N, C-alpha and C. Protein backbone atom coordinates (compact mmCIF):
# COMPACT_ATOMS: atom_id res chain seq x y z
N MET A 1 66.02 -209.15 92.59
CA MET A 1 66.83 -208.58 91.96
C MET A 1 66.43 -209.09 90.42
N LEU A 2 66.89 -207.86 89.62
CA LEU A 2 66.55 -208.30 88.02
C LEU A 2 67.74 -209.37 87.45
N SER A 3 67.44 -210.17 86.71
CA SER A 3 68.18 -211.12 86.15
C SER A 3 69.26 -210.32 84.98
N ASP A 4 70.07 -211.20 84.41
CA ASP A 4 71.08 -210.59 83.78
C ASP A 4 70.27 -210.22 82.44
N GLU A 5 69.49 -211.11 82.01
CA GLU A 5 68.65 -211.05 80.63
C GLU A 5 67.77 -209.73 80.97
N GLN A 6 66.88 -209.73 81.98
CA GLN A 6 66.22 -208.20 82.01
C GLN A 6 66.81 -207.07 81.79
N VAL A 7 68.42 -207.09 82.62
CA VAL A 7 69.11 -205.96 82.83
C VAL A 7 69.78 -205.65 81.22
N GLU A 8 69.96 -206.68 80.54
CA GLU A 8 70.30 -206.81 79.23
C GLU A 8 69.02 -206.01 78.54
N ARG A 9 68.08 -206.38 78.53
CA ARG A 9 66.68 -206.15 77.73
C ARG A 9 66.65 -204.33 77.79
N ILE A 10 66.93 -204.18 79.14
CA ILE A 10 66.64 -202.56 79.29
C ILE A 10 68.00 -201.77 78.62
N GLN A 11 69.00 -202.38 78.74
CA GLN A 11 70.22 -201.50 78.28
C GLN A 11 69.84 -201.59 76.61
N GLN A 12 69.55 -202.66 75.81
CA GLN A 12 69.42 -202.59 74.60
C GLN A 12 68.11 -201.83 74.02
N ASP A 13 66.96 -201.35 74.95
CA ASP A 13 66.32 -200.63 74.81
C ASP A 13 66.81 -199.02 74.61
N ILE A 14 67.67 -198.86 75.62
CA ILE A 14 68.34 -197.49 75.62
C ILE A 14 69.18 -197.49 74.91
N GLU A 15 69.90 -198.36 74.35
CA GLU A 15 70.79 -198.30 73.15
C GLU A 15 70.26 -197.96 71.64
N ARG A 16 69.08 -198.59 71.86
CA ARG A 16 68.49 -198.39 70.64
C ARG A 16 67.65 -196.74 70.32
N SER A 17 67.75 -196.12 71.24
CA SER A 17 67.26 -194.80 71.34
C SER A 17 68.35 -193.82 70.86
N ASN A 18 68.12 -192.33 70.39
CA ASN A 18 68.95 -191.40 69.82
C ASN A 18 69.91 -190.80 70.96
N LEU A 19 69.74 -191.26 72.04
CA LEU A 19 70.64 -190.75 73.11
C LEU A 19 72.08 -190.97 72.86
N SER A 20 73.07 -189.73 72.83
CA SER A 20 74.39 -189.76 72.46
C SER A 20 75.56 -189.80 73.37
N VAL A 21 74.74 -189.22 74.57
CA VAL A 21 75.95 -189.03 76.03
C VAL A 21 76.03 -190.50 76.53
N GLN A 22 76.96 -191.11 76.74
CA GLN A 22 77.15 -192.37 77.23
C GLN A 22 76.83 -192.16 78.97
N MET A 23 77.28 -191.13 79.75
CA MET A 23 76.73 -190.70 81.05
C MET A 23 75.32 -190.79 81.06
N VAL A 24 74.55 -190.27 80.28
CA VAL A 24 73.13 -190.13 80.45
C VAL A 24 72.50 -191.77 80.35
N LYS A 25 73.22 -192.39 79.19
CA LYS A 25 72.68 -193.79 79.04
C LYS A 25 73.13 -194.77 80.49
N ASP A 26 74.28 -194.85 81.15
CA ASP A 26 74.44 -195.44 82.20
C ASP A 26 73.55 -194.89 83.27
N ASP A 27 73.41 -193.53 83.65
CA ASP A 27 72.55 -193.45 84.78
C ASP A 27 71.09 -193.74 84.39
N LEU A 28 70.73 -193.55 83.13
CA LEU A 28 69.11 -194.16 83.07
C LEU A 28 69.10 -195.64 83.36
N LEU A 29 69.86 -196.43 82.67
CA LEU A 29 70.15 -197.99 83.24
C LEU A 29 69.84 -198.09 84.62
N ASP A 30 70.79 -197.52 85.28
CA ASP A 30 70.72 -197.86 87.06
C ASP A 30 69.38 -197.53 87.32
N HIS A 31 68.99 -196.23 86.91
CA HIS A 31 67.72 -195.50 87.35
C HIS A 31 66.28 -196.52 86.68
N PHE A 32 66.61 -197.06 85.77
CA PHE A 32 65.28 -198.12 85.40
C PHE A 32 65.44 -199.32 86.16
N CYS A 33 66.83 -199.82 86.33
CA CYS A 33 66.51 -200.89 87.18
C CYS A 33 66.20 -200.95 88.68
N CYS A 34 66.44 -199.84 89.24
CA CYS A 34 65.71 -199.69 90.72
C CYS A 34 64.53 -199.39 90.76
N THR A 35 63.98 -198.77 89.64
CA THR A 35 62.59 -198.42 89.64
C THR A 35 61.80 -199.72 89.36
N VAL A 36 62.36 -200.46 88.05
CA VAL A 36 61.53 -201.97 88.03
C VAL A 36 61.71 -202.78 89.01
N GLU A 37 63.14 -202.73 89.62
CA GLU A 37 62.70 -203.73 91.01
C GLU A 37 61.93 -203.30 92.32
N SER A 38 61.93 -201.79 92.34
CA SER A 38 60.73 -201.62 93.18
C SER A 38 59.39 -202.07 92.61
N LYS A 39 59.20 -201.86 91.54
CA LYS A 39 57.65 -202.22 91.03
C LYS A 39 57.64 -203.84 91.30
N LEU A 40 58.64 -204.63 90.99
CA LEU A 40 58.41 -205.87 91.10
C LEU A 40 58.25 -206.33 92.49
N GLU A 41 58.51 -205.73 93.50
CA GLU A 41 58.53 -205.97 94.98
C GLU A 41 57.05 -205.45 95.40
N GLN A 42 56.59 -204.78 94.55
CA GLN A 42 55.00 -204.43 94.55
C GLN A 42 54.17 -205.57 94.16
N GLY A 43 54.52 -206.75 93.63
CA GLY A 43 53.73 -207.57 92.73
C GLY A 43 53.67 -207.46 91.51
N ASN A 44 54.13 -206.53 90.70
CA ASN A 44 54.06 -206.37 89.45
C ASN A 44 54.79 -207.34 88.68
N THR A 45 54.65 -207.97 87.41
CA THR A 45 55.18 -208.91 86.69
C THR A 45 56.30 -207.85 85.95
N PHE A 46 57.33 -208.33 85.29
CA PHE A 46 58.61 -207.58 84.81
C PHE A 46 58.10 -206.64 83.65
N GLU A 47 57.35 -207.37 82.75
CA GLU A 47 56.46 -206.36 81.66
C GLU A 47 55.83 -205.19 82.26
N GLY A 48 55.01 -205.67 83.13
CA GLY A 48 54.25 -204.59 83.68
C GLY A 48 55.03 -203.43 84.48
N ALA A 49 56.13 -203.95 85.49
CA ALA A 49 56.80 -202.89 85.86
C ALA A 49 57.56 -201.95 85.22
N TYR A 50 58.28 -202.86 83.78
CA TYR A 50 59.01 -202.03 82.93
C TYR A 50 58.39 -201.04 82.34
N ARG A 51 56.78 -201.19 81.96
CA ARG A 51 56.16 -200.13 81.25
C ARG A 51 55.58 -198.94 82.29
N GLN A 52 55.64 -199.51 83.37
CA GLN A 52 55.30 -198.18 84.48
C GLN A 52 56.64 -197.47 84.84
N ALA A 53 57.63 -198.17 84.49
CA ALA A 53 59.23 -197.47 84.73
C ALA A 53 59.37 -196.57 83.78
N TRP A 54 58.72 -196.71 82.44
CA TRP A 54 59.09 -195.81 81.27
C TRP A 54 57.73 -194.88 81.29
N LYS A 55 56.65 -194.86 81.96
CA LYS A 55 55.98 -193.99 82.14
C LYS A 55 56.34 -192.97 83.28
N GLN A 56 56.98 -193.52 84.26
CA GLN A 56 57.36 -192.46 85.32
C GLN A 56 58.59 -191.73 85.21
N ILE A 57 59.80 -192.46 84.28
CA ILE A 57 60.96 -191.72 84.30
C ILE A 57 61.03 -191.04 82.80
N CYS A 58 60.65 -191.59 81.89
CA CYS A 58 60.58 -190.43 80.85
C CYS A 58 59.20 -190.63 79.97
N PRO A 59 57.96 -189.88 80.47
CA PRO A 59 56.81 -190.08 79.64
C PRO A 59 56.80 -189.35 78.41
N ASN A 60 57.71 -188.60 77.97
CA ASN A 60 57.69 -187.78 76.48
C ASN A 60 59.03 -188.27 76.20
N GLY A 61 59.58 -189.32 76.25
CA GLY A 61 60.88 -189.90 75.66
C GLY A 61 62.09 -189.67 76.24
N LEU A 62 62.98 -190.39 75.80
CA LEU A 62 64.39 -190.46 76.46
C LEU A 62 65.35 -189.07 76.04
N ASN A 63 64.96 -188.62 74.65
CA ASN A 63 65.33 -187.45 74.41
C ASN A 63 65.24 -186.39 75.13
N GLU A 64 63.97 -186.53 75.97
CA GLU A 64 63.85 -185.10 76.73
C GLU A 64 64.61 -184.92 78.12
N ILE A 65 64.85 -186.38 78.59
CA ILE A 65 65.96 -186.65 79.36
C ILE A 65 67.52 -186.34 79.03
N GLN A 66 67.69 -186.10 77.88
CA GLN A 66 69.21 -185.80 77.51
C GLN A 66 69.35 -184.32 77.58
N GLU A 67 68.23 -183.95 77.03
CA GLU A 67 68.19 -182.38 76.58
C GLU A 67 68.50 -181.67 78.11
N GLU A 68 67.32 -182.04 78.73
CA GLU A 68 67.39 -181.61 80.39
C GLU A 68 68.74 -181.73 80.99
N THR A 69 69.53 -182.97 80.84
CA THR A 69 70.57 -183.09 81.49
C THR A 69 71.82 -182.14 81.06
N MET A 70 71.78 -182.06 79.70
CA MET A 70 72.84 -181.20 79.09
C MET A 70 72.43 -179.72 79.10
N TYR A 71 71.15 -179.23 79.57
CA TYR A 71 70.78 -177.88 79.87
C TYR A 71 71.56 -177.78 81.15
N LEU A 72 71.17 -178.73 82.34
CA LEU A 72 71.43 -178.39 83.77
C LEU A 72 73.39 -178.56 83.58
N LEU A 73 73.84 -179.23 82.94
CA LEU A 73 75.28 -179.14 82.80
C LEU A 73 75.82 -177.92 82.49
N ASN A 74 74.96 -177.31 81.33
CA ASN A 74 75.62 -176.22 80.78
C ASN A 74 74.92 -174.87 81.28
N ALA A 75 74.27 -175.01 82.28
CA ALA A 75 73.25 -173.77 82.69
C ALA A 75 74.33 -172.42 82.63
N SER A 76 75.29 -172.56 83.78
CA SER A 76 75.91 -171.34 83.38
C SER A 76 76.52 -170.69 82.40
N LYS A 77 77.09 -171.50 81.40
CA LYS A 77 77.43 -171.26 80.42
C LYS A 77 76.30 -170.23 79.65
N ILE A 78 75.17 -171.06 79.46
CA ILE A 78 73.93 -170.64 78.78
C ILE A 78 73.47 -169.35 79.25
N ILE A 79 73.64 -169.07 80.94
CA ILE A 79 73.12 -168.15 81.16
C ILE A 79 74.00 -166.61 81.07
N VAL A 80 75.36 -166.97 80.96
CA VAL A 80 76.16 -165.83 80.26
C VAL A 80 76.06 -165.70 79.01
N MET A 81 75.94 -166.59 78.15
CA MET A 81 75.67 -166.23 76.78
C MET A 81 74.38 -165.62 76.50
N LYS A 82 73.60 -165.63 77.09
CA LYS A 82 72.22 -164.79 77.11
C LYS A 82 72.23 -163.85 77.34
N GLN A 83 72.82 -163.73 78.79
CA GLN A 83 73.45 -162.10 79.52
C GLN A 83 73.97 -161.34 78.15
N VAL A 84 75.08 -161.90 77.54
CA VAL A 84 75.83 -161.12 76.62
C VAL A 84 75.15 -160.80 75.53
N MET A 85 74.33 -161.93 74.85
CA MET A 85 73.44 -161.89 73.92
C MET A 85 72.36 -160.56 73.79
N TYR A 86 71.84 -160.66 74.97
CA TYR A 86 70.76 -159.62 75.22
C TYR A 86 71.53 -157.95 75.74
N SER A 87 72.47 -158.08 76.22
CA SER A 87 73.14 -156.90 76.29
C SER A 87 73.44 -156.14 74.85
N ILE A 88 74.14 -156.80 74.18
CA ILE A 88 74.21 -156.69 73.02
C ILE A 88 73.03 -156.12 72.21
N GLY A 89 72.17 -156.91 72.03
CA GLY A 89 70.92 -156.14 71.73
C GLY A 89 70.28 -154.86 72.06
N LEU A 90 70.52 -154.63 73.58
CA LEU A 90 70.11 -153.66 73.94
C LEU A 90 70.98 -152.08 73.66
N ILE A 91 72.14 -152.70 73.56
CA ILE A 91 72.99 -151.32 73.16
C ILE A 91 72.94 -150.99 71.86
N ALA A 92 72.89 -152.05 71.28
CA ALA A 92 72.66 -151.90 69.55
C ALA A 92 71.27 -151.19 69.33
N SER A 93 69.95 -151.51 70.01
CA SER A 93 69.04 -150.92 69.57
C SER A 93 68.96 -149.66 70.10
N VAL A 94 69.64 -149.59 70.97
CA VAL A 94 69.84 -147.73 71.67
C VAL A 94 70.58 -147.00 70.90
N CYS A 95 71.58 -147.76 70.16
CA CYS A 95 72.31 -146.95 69.34
C CYS A 95 71.39 -146.62 67.91
N ILE A 96 70.74 -147.70 67.43
CA ILE A 96 69.92 -147.29 66.38
C ILE A 96 68.90 -146.21 66.30
N SER A 97 67.94 -146.14 67.92
CA SER A 97 67.00 -145.30 67.98
C SER A 97 67.80 -143.96 68.27
N ILE A 98 68.95 -143.86 69.15
CA ILE A 98 69.34 -142.40 69.38
C ILE A 98 69.86 -141.98 68.05
N GLY A 99 70.73 -142.76 67.24
CA GLY A 99 71.30 -142.54 65.95
C GLY A 99 70.06 -141.92 65.01
N TRP A 100 69.10 -142.49 64.81
CA TRP A 100 67.75 -142.02 64.25
C TRP A 100 67.44 -140.80 64.51
N LEU A 101 67.49 -140.59 65.75
CA LEU A 101 66.81 -139.24 66.50
C LEU A 101 68.25 -138.28 65.71
N PHE A 102 69.15 -138.56 65.94
CA PHE A 102 70.13 -137.49 65.90
C PHE A 102 70.18 -137.20 64.23
N THR A 103 69.79 -138.25 63.55
CA THR A 103 69.92 -138.26 62.16
C THR A 103 68.62 -137.14 61.57
N LEU A 104 67.58 -137.32 62.16
CA LEU A 104 66.17 -136.66 62.21
C LEU A 104 66.40 -134.88 62.31
N LEU A 105 67.30 -134.94 63.62
CA LEU A 105 67.31 -133.67 63.77
C LEU A 105 68.90 -132.77 63.26
N HIS A 106 69.50 -133.61 62.25
CA HIS A 106 70.88 -133.01 61.73
C HIS A 106 71.75 -133.04 62.65
N TRP A 107 71.85 -133.67 64.04
CA TRP A 107 73.01 -133.47 65.21
C TRP A 107 74.16 -134.37 64.37
N PRO A 108 75.32 -134.06 64.79
CA PRO A 108 76.40 -134.69 64.38
C PRO A 108 76.57 -136.03 65.05
N GLY A 109 76.91 -136.99 64.38
CA GLY A 109 77.23 -138.45 65.10
C GLY A 109 76.01 -139.26 64.56
N GLY A 110 74.97 -138.75 64.13
CA GLY A 110 73.68 -139.64 63.88
C GLY A 110 74.04 -140.87 63.05
N ASN A 111 74.35 -140.59 61.87
CA ASN A 111 74.61 -141.77 61.08
C ASN A 111 75.81 -142.86 61.45
N LEU A 112 76.68 -142.30 62.19
CA LEU A 112 77.64 -143.19 62.85
C LEU A 112 76.97 -144.00 63.83
N LEU A 113 76.17 -143.36 64.58
CA LEU A 113 75.41 -144.17 65.60
C LEU A 113 74.63 -145.24 65.16
N PHE A 114 73.79 -144.59 64.18
CA PHE A 114 72.92 -145.75 63.57
C PHE A 114 73.58 -146.95 62.59
N THR A 115 74.33 -146.57 61.95
CA THR A 115 75.29 -147.55 61.31
C THR A 115 75.83 -148.76 62.20
N TYR A 116 76.47 -148.01 62.99
CA TYR A 116 76.85 -149.16 64.08
C TYR A 116 76.36 -149.94 64.68
N GLY A 117 75.15 -149.20 65.16
CA GLY A 117 74.10 -149.87 66.13
C GLY A 117 73.29 -150.86 65.13
N PHE A 118 72.92 -150.66 63.99
CA PHE A 118 72.33 -151.64 62.90
C PHE A 118 73.40 -152.62 62.95
N LEU A 119 74.74 -152.42 62.61
CA LEU A 119 75.75 -153.49 62.30
C LEU A 119 75.92 -154.43 63.07
N GLY A 120 75.88 -153.59 64.57
CA GLY A 120 75.98 -154.75 66.06
C GLY A 120 74.81 -155.76 65.90
N PHE A 121 73.69 -154.77 65.91
CA PHE A 121 72.20 -155.97 65.75
C PHE A 121 72.47 -156.81 64.90
N ALA A 122 72.54 -156.65 63.77
CA ALA A 122 72.34 -157.46 62.48
C ALA A 122 73.53 -158.60 62.53
N MET A 123 74.56 -157.92 62.75
CA MET A 123 75.73 -158.90 62.51
C MET A 123 76.22 -159.59 64.15
N ILE A 124 75.96 -159.27 65.03
CA ILE A 124 76.00 -160.00 66.12
C ILE A 124 75.07 -160.58 67.10
N PHE A 125 73.80 -159.54 67.23
CA PHE A 125 72.73 -160.17 68.18
C PHE A 125 71.90 -160.96 67.27
N LEU A 126 71.51 -160.74 66.19
CA LEU A 126 70.50 -161.56 65.33
C LEU A 126 71.26 -162.79 65.34
N PRO A 127 72.66 -163.00 64.69
CA PRO A 127 72.86 -164.76 64.65
C PRO A 127 73.32 -165.38 65.99
N MET A 128 73.52 -164.68 67.10
CA MET A 128 73.32 -165.06 68.22
C MET A 128 71.85 -165.51 68.27
N PHE A 129 70.96 -164.86 68.26
CA PHE A 129 69.74 -165.03 68.89
C PHE A 129 69.21 -166.27 67.91
N ALA A 130 69.44 -166.33 66.63
CA ALA A 130 69.05 -167.12 65.58
C ALA A 130 69.50 -168.77 66.23
N LEU A 131 70.82 -168.71 66.29
CA LEU A 131 71.80 -169.69 67.07
C LEU A 131 70.91 -170.14 68.29
N ASP A 132 70.56 -169.41 69.14
CA ASP A 132 70.02 -170.08 70.36
C ASP A 132 68.43 -170.59 70.27
N ARG A 133 67.58 -169.92 69.21
CA ARG A 133 66.32 -170.50 68.96
C ARG A 133 66.58 -171.76 67.89
N TYR A 134 67.80 -171.94 67.38
CA TYR A 134 67.94 -173.26 66.56
C TYR A 134 68.30 -173.91 67.42
N LYS A 135 69.08 -173.84 68.56
CA LYS A 135 69.25 -175.14 69.61
C LYS A 135 68.38 -175.52 70.32
N ALA A 136 67.40 -174.62 70.37
CA ALA A 136 66.05 -174.82 71.34
C ALA A 136 65.14 -175.64 70.45
N SER A 137 64.99 -175.67 69.03
CA SER A 137 64.35 -176.26 68.16
C SER A 137 65.07 -178.02 67.67
N VAL A 138 66.23 -178.19 68.42
CA VAL A 138 66.80 -179.48 68.11
C VAL A 138 65.72 -180.62 68.76
N GLY A 139 65.43 -181.29 67.77
CA GLY A 139 64.72 -182.54 68.30
C GLY A 139 63.14 -182.14 67.90
N LYS A 140 63.14 -180.96 67.50
CA LYS A 140 61.56 -180.62 66.79
C LYS A 140 61.71 -180.84 65.25
N SER A 141 60.64 -180.41 64.66
CA SER A 141 60.30 -180.91 63.04
C SER A 141 61.36 -179.74 62.54
N MET A 142 61.51 -180.53 61.15
CA MET A 142 62.41 -180.11 60.17
C MET A 142 61.96 -178.76 59.85
N SER A 143 60.50 -178.78 59.85
CA SER A 143 59.75 -177.16 59.29
C SER A 143 60.08 -176.00 60.28
N GLU A 144 59.79 -176.66 61.84
CA GLU A 144 60.51 -175.71 62.75
C GLU A 144 61.80 -175.14 62.54
N ARG A 145 62.87 -175.91 62.26
CA ARG A 145 64.42 -175.32 62.16
C ARG A 145 64.34 -174.61 61.15
N TRP A 146 63.42 -174.92 59.81
CA TRP A 146 63.54 -174.06 58.34
C TRP A 146 62.67 -172.56 58.89
N LYS A 147 61.88 -172.70 59.66
CA LYS A 147 61.08 -171.31 60.18
C LYS A 147 62.23 -170.30 60.47
N ILE A 148 63.09 -170.91 61.53
CA ILE A 148 63.74 -170.22 62.15
C ILE A 148 65.01 -169.75 61.23
N ILE A 149 65.70 -170.73 60.34
CA ILE A 149 66.34 -170.02 59.49
C ILE A 149 66.04 -168.96 58.50
N LEU A 150 65.05 -169.28 57.43
CA LEU A 150 64.08 -168.39 56.60
C LEU A 150 63.74 -167.08 57.27
N GLY A 151 63.23 -167.07 58.77
CA GLY A 151 62.87 -166.07 59.33
C GLY A 151 64.16 -165.15 59.60
N PHE A 152 65.04 -165.50 60.17
CA PHE A 152 66.33 -164.81 60.17
C PHE A 152 67.01 -164.30 59.09
N ALA A 153 67.17 -165.10 58.06
CA ALA A 153 67.59 -164.48 56.78
C ALA A 153 66.70 -163.35 56.34
N SER A 154 65.39 -163.33 56.40
CA SER A 154 64.47 -162.45 55.51
C SER A 154 64.77 -161.18 56.32
N ALA A 155 64.86 -161.28 57.78
CA ALA A 155 65.05 -160.35 58.58
C ALA A 155 66.49 -159.64 58.43
N LEU A 156 67.41 -160.32 58.24
CA LEU A 156 68.82 -159.52 57.88
C LEU A 156 68.63 -158.99 56.64
N LEU A 157 67.92 -159.46 55.63
CA LEU A 157 68.02 -158.99 54.08
C LEU A 157 67.19 -157.57 54.36
N THR A 158 66.15 -157.63 54.78
CA THR A 158 65.21 -156.58 54.95
C THR A 158 65.98 -155.42 55.81
N GLY A 159 66.50 -155.46 56.95
CA GLY A 159 67.12 -154.72 57.71
C GLY A 159 68.18 -154.01 56.96
N PHE A 160 69.03 -154.93 56.41
CA PHE A 160 70.26 -154.36 55.53
C PHE A 160 69.75 -153.50 54.28
N SER A 161 68.50 -153.47 53.57
CA SER A 161 68.23 -152.87 52.79
C SER A 161 67.62 -151.54 53.12
N VAL A 162 67.23 -151.72 54.60
CA VAL A 162 66.71 -150.25 55.51
C VAL A 162 68.02 -149.45 55.21
N LEU A 163 68.96 -149.96 56.04
CA LEU A 163 70.23 -149.79 56.52
C LEU A 163 70.87 -148.81 54.98
N PHE A 164 70.74 -149.81 53.92
CA PHE A 164 71.48 -149.18 52.54
C PHE A 164 70.50 -147.98 51.83
N LYS A 165 69.34 -148.02 52.08
CA LYS A 165 68.62 -147.19 51.80
C LYS A 165 68.80 -145.91 52.38
N LEU A 166 68.81 -145.80 54.12
CA LEU A 166 69.12 -144.43 54.18
C LEU A 166 70.44 -144.03 54.23
N MET A 167 71.56 -144.78 53.80
CA MET A 167 72.98 -144.14 53.51
C MET A 167 72.77 -143.78 52.17
N HIS A 168 71.76 -144.41 51.45
CA HIS A 168 72.00 -143.88 49.75
C HIS A 168 72.68 -144.73 49.23
N TRP A 169 72.89 -145.97 49.70
CA TRP A 169 74.09 -147.12 48.95
C TRP A 169 73.31 -147.94 48.17
N PRO A 170 73.91 -148.34 47.08
CA PRO A 170 73.20 -149.32 46.10
C PRO A 170 72.98 -150.60 46.58
N TRP A 171 72.15 -151.10 45.62
CA TRP A 171 71.52 -152.39 46.08
C TRP A 171 70.61 -152.45 47.13
N ALA A 172 70.03 -151.84 47.39
CA ALA A 172 69.11 -151.46 48.62
C ALA A 172 67.58 -152.09 47.95
N ASP A 173 67.38 -151.64 46.68
CA ASP A 173 66.17 -152.21 46.30
C ASP A 173 66.02 -153.71 46.29
N ILE A 174 67.12 -154.15 45.47
CA ILE A 174 67.35 -155.74 45.44
C ILE A 174 67.35 -156.26 46.90
N LEU A 175 68.20 -155.99 47.88
CA LEU A 175 68.08 -156.34 49.28
C LEU A 175 66.47 -156.49 49.87
N LEU A 176 65.91 -155.47 49.19
CA LEU A 176 64.41 -155.55 49.78
C LEU A 176 63.84 -156.28 49.32
N ILE A 177 63.65 -156.57 47.91
CA ILE A 177 62.74 -157.41 47.70
C ILE A 177 63.45 -158.77 47.72
N LEU A 178 64.57 -159.21 48.14
CA LEU A 178 64.91 -160.67 48.53
C LEU A 178 64.80 -160.91 49.58
N GLY A 179 64.59 -159.75 50.55
CA GLY A 179 64.16 -159.94 52.15
C GLY A 179 62.78 -160.17 52.24
N VAL A 180 61.89 -159.41 51.56
CA VAL A 180 60.44 -159.54 51.62
C VAL A 180 59.98 -160.71 50.88
N GLY A 181 60.67 -160.94 49.85
CA GLY A 181 60.40 -162.34 49.01
C GLY A 181 60.76 -163.38 49.74
N LEU A 182 61.72 -163.49 50.48
CA LEU A 182 62.15 -164.67 51.39
C LEU A 182 60.90 -164.99 52.51
N PHE A 183 60.58 -163.58 53.27
CA PHE A 183 59.76 -163.65 54.26
C PHE A 183 58.08 -164.02 53.86
N SER A 184 57.97 -163.79 52.54
CA SER A 184 56.64 -163.99 52.22
C SER A 184 56.40 -165.52 51.71
N ILE A 185 57.50 -165.70 50.85
CA ILE A 185 57.25 -167.27 50.25
C ILE A 185 58.05 -168.38 51.12
N GLY A 186 58.84 -167.92 52.00
CA GLY A 186 59.69 -168.98 52.80
C GLY A 186 59.22 -169.19 54.24
N PHE A 187 59.35 -167.53 54.96
CA PHE A 187 58.78 -168.11 56.33
C PHE A 187 57.49 -168.22 56.74
N LEU A 188 56.72 -167.14 56.00
CA LEU A 188 55.33 -167.31 56.38
C LEU A 188 54.60 -168.46 56.10
N PRO A 189 54.75 -169.33 54.75
CA PRO A 189 54.32 -170.83 54.92
C PRO A 189 54.93 -171.63 55.95
N PHE A 190 55.85 -171.69 56.20
CA PHE A 190 56.30 -172.56 57.33
C PHE A 190 55.34 -172.15 58.81
N LEU A 191 55.57 -171.02 58.90
CA LEU A 191 54.64 -170.27 60.23
C LEU A 191 53.46 -170.62 60.12
N PHE A 192 52.53 -170.35 58.99
CA PHE A 192 51.23 -170.90 59.23
C PHE A 192 50.97 -172.38 59.04
N PHE A 193 51.69 -172.77 58.55
CA PHE A 193 51.71 -174.36 58.40
C PHE A 193 51.51 -175.27 59.83
N GLY A 194 52.82 -174.84 60.66
CA GLY A 194 53.04 -175.28 62.02
C GLY A 194 51.74 -174.75 63.05
N MET A 195 51.22 -173.40 62.61
CA MET A 195 50.01 -173.04 63.23
C MET A 195 48.84 -174.04 62.72
N TYR A 196 48.51 -174.37 61.62
CA TYR A 196 47.36 -175.12 61.17
C TYR A 196 47.71 -176.47 61.62
N ARG A 197 48.96 -177.03 61.76
CA ARG A 197 49.21 -178.37 62.25
C ARG A 197 48.92 -178.66 63.87
N LYS A 198 49.38 -177.40 64.77
CA LYS A 198 49.08 -177.74 66.05
C LYS A 198 47.38 -177.49 66.48
N ALA A 199 46.84 -176.61 65.10
CA ALA A 199 45.58 -176.59 65.46
C ALA A 199 44.53 -177.62 65.40
N THR A 200 45.15 -178.54 64.30
CA THR A 200 44.42 -179.65 63.82
C THR A 200 44.70 -181.00 64.49
N GLU A 201 45.60 -181.00 65.56
CA GLU A 201 45.96 -182.01 66.26
C GLU A 201 45.13 -182.41 67.45
């Protein structure tokens, strides 16, 4: 059995981490104590058993444990959200492509299909997709999160510029310049910096 001081040592290390969910902390404390006791029975010292327990339970850090736990707790909601998101993306993309075809052939309804399809893609699908990617980047570097934000913003601006151009609405050129500028001097540097950093690690 572990002494009170040893249990307190484990608890303090867990409390010093970035974990925010108390349930995860309590479960980890129990799991650590059981694992360390098992290692002690094999003849290890407490420090040796404790180090082995860390490697066994959380080789990539405690944050990964919390992320996996929260994913499992919310798995059904996440799956439903992804199904809705991709369904909206599919419907909007079909409307855009058919609307574009109808417009080229001068068939009625082409402009409406293209416009509403694009608005659904840009105003519903893209924000949902960007939010999903941003949540997945939580815990990663700030540059990774900025890459997602700038990529989404530049895609939105460029997409709206194409829509404005096709509909002969004003501000199309300004939106295009802003979108391409943001893509070129915002998104691309973060993208290639991340690729360079991974290649040199």
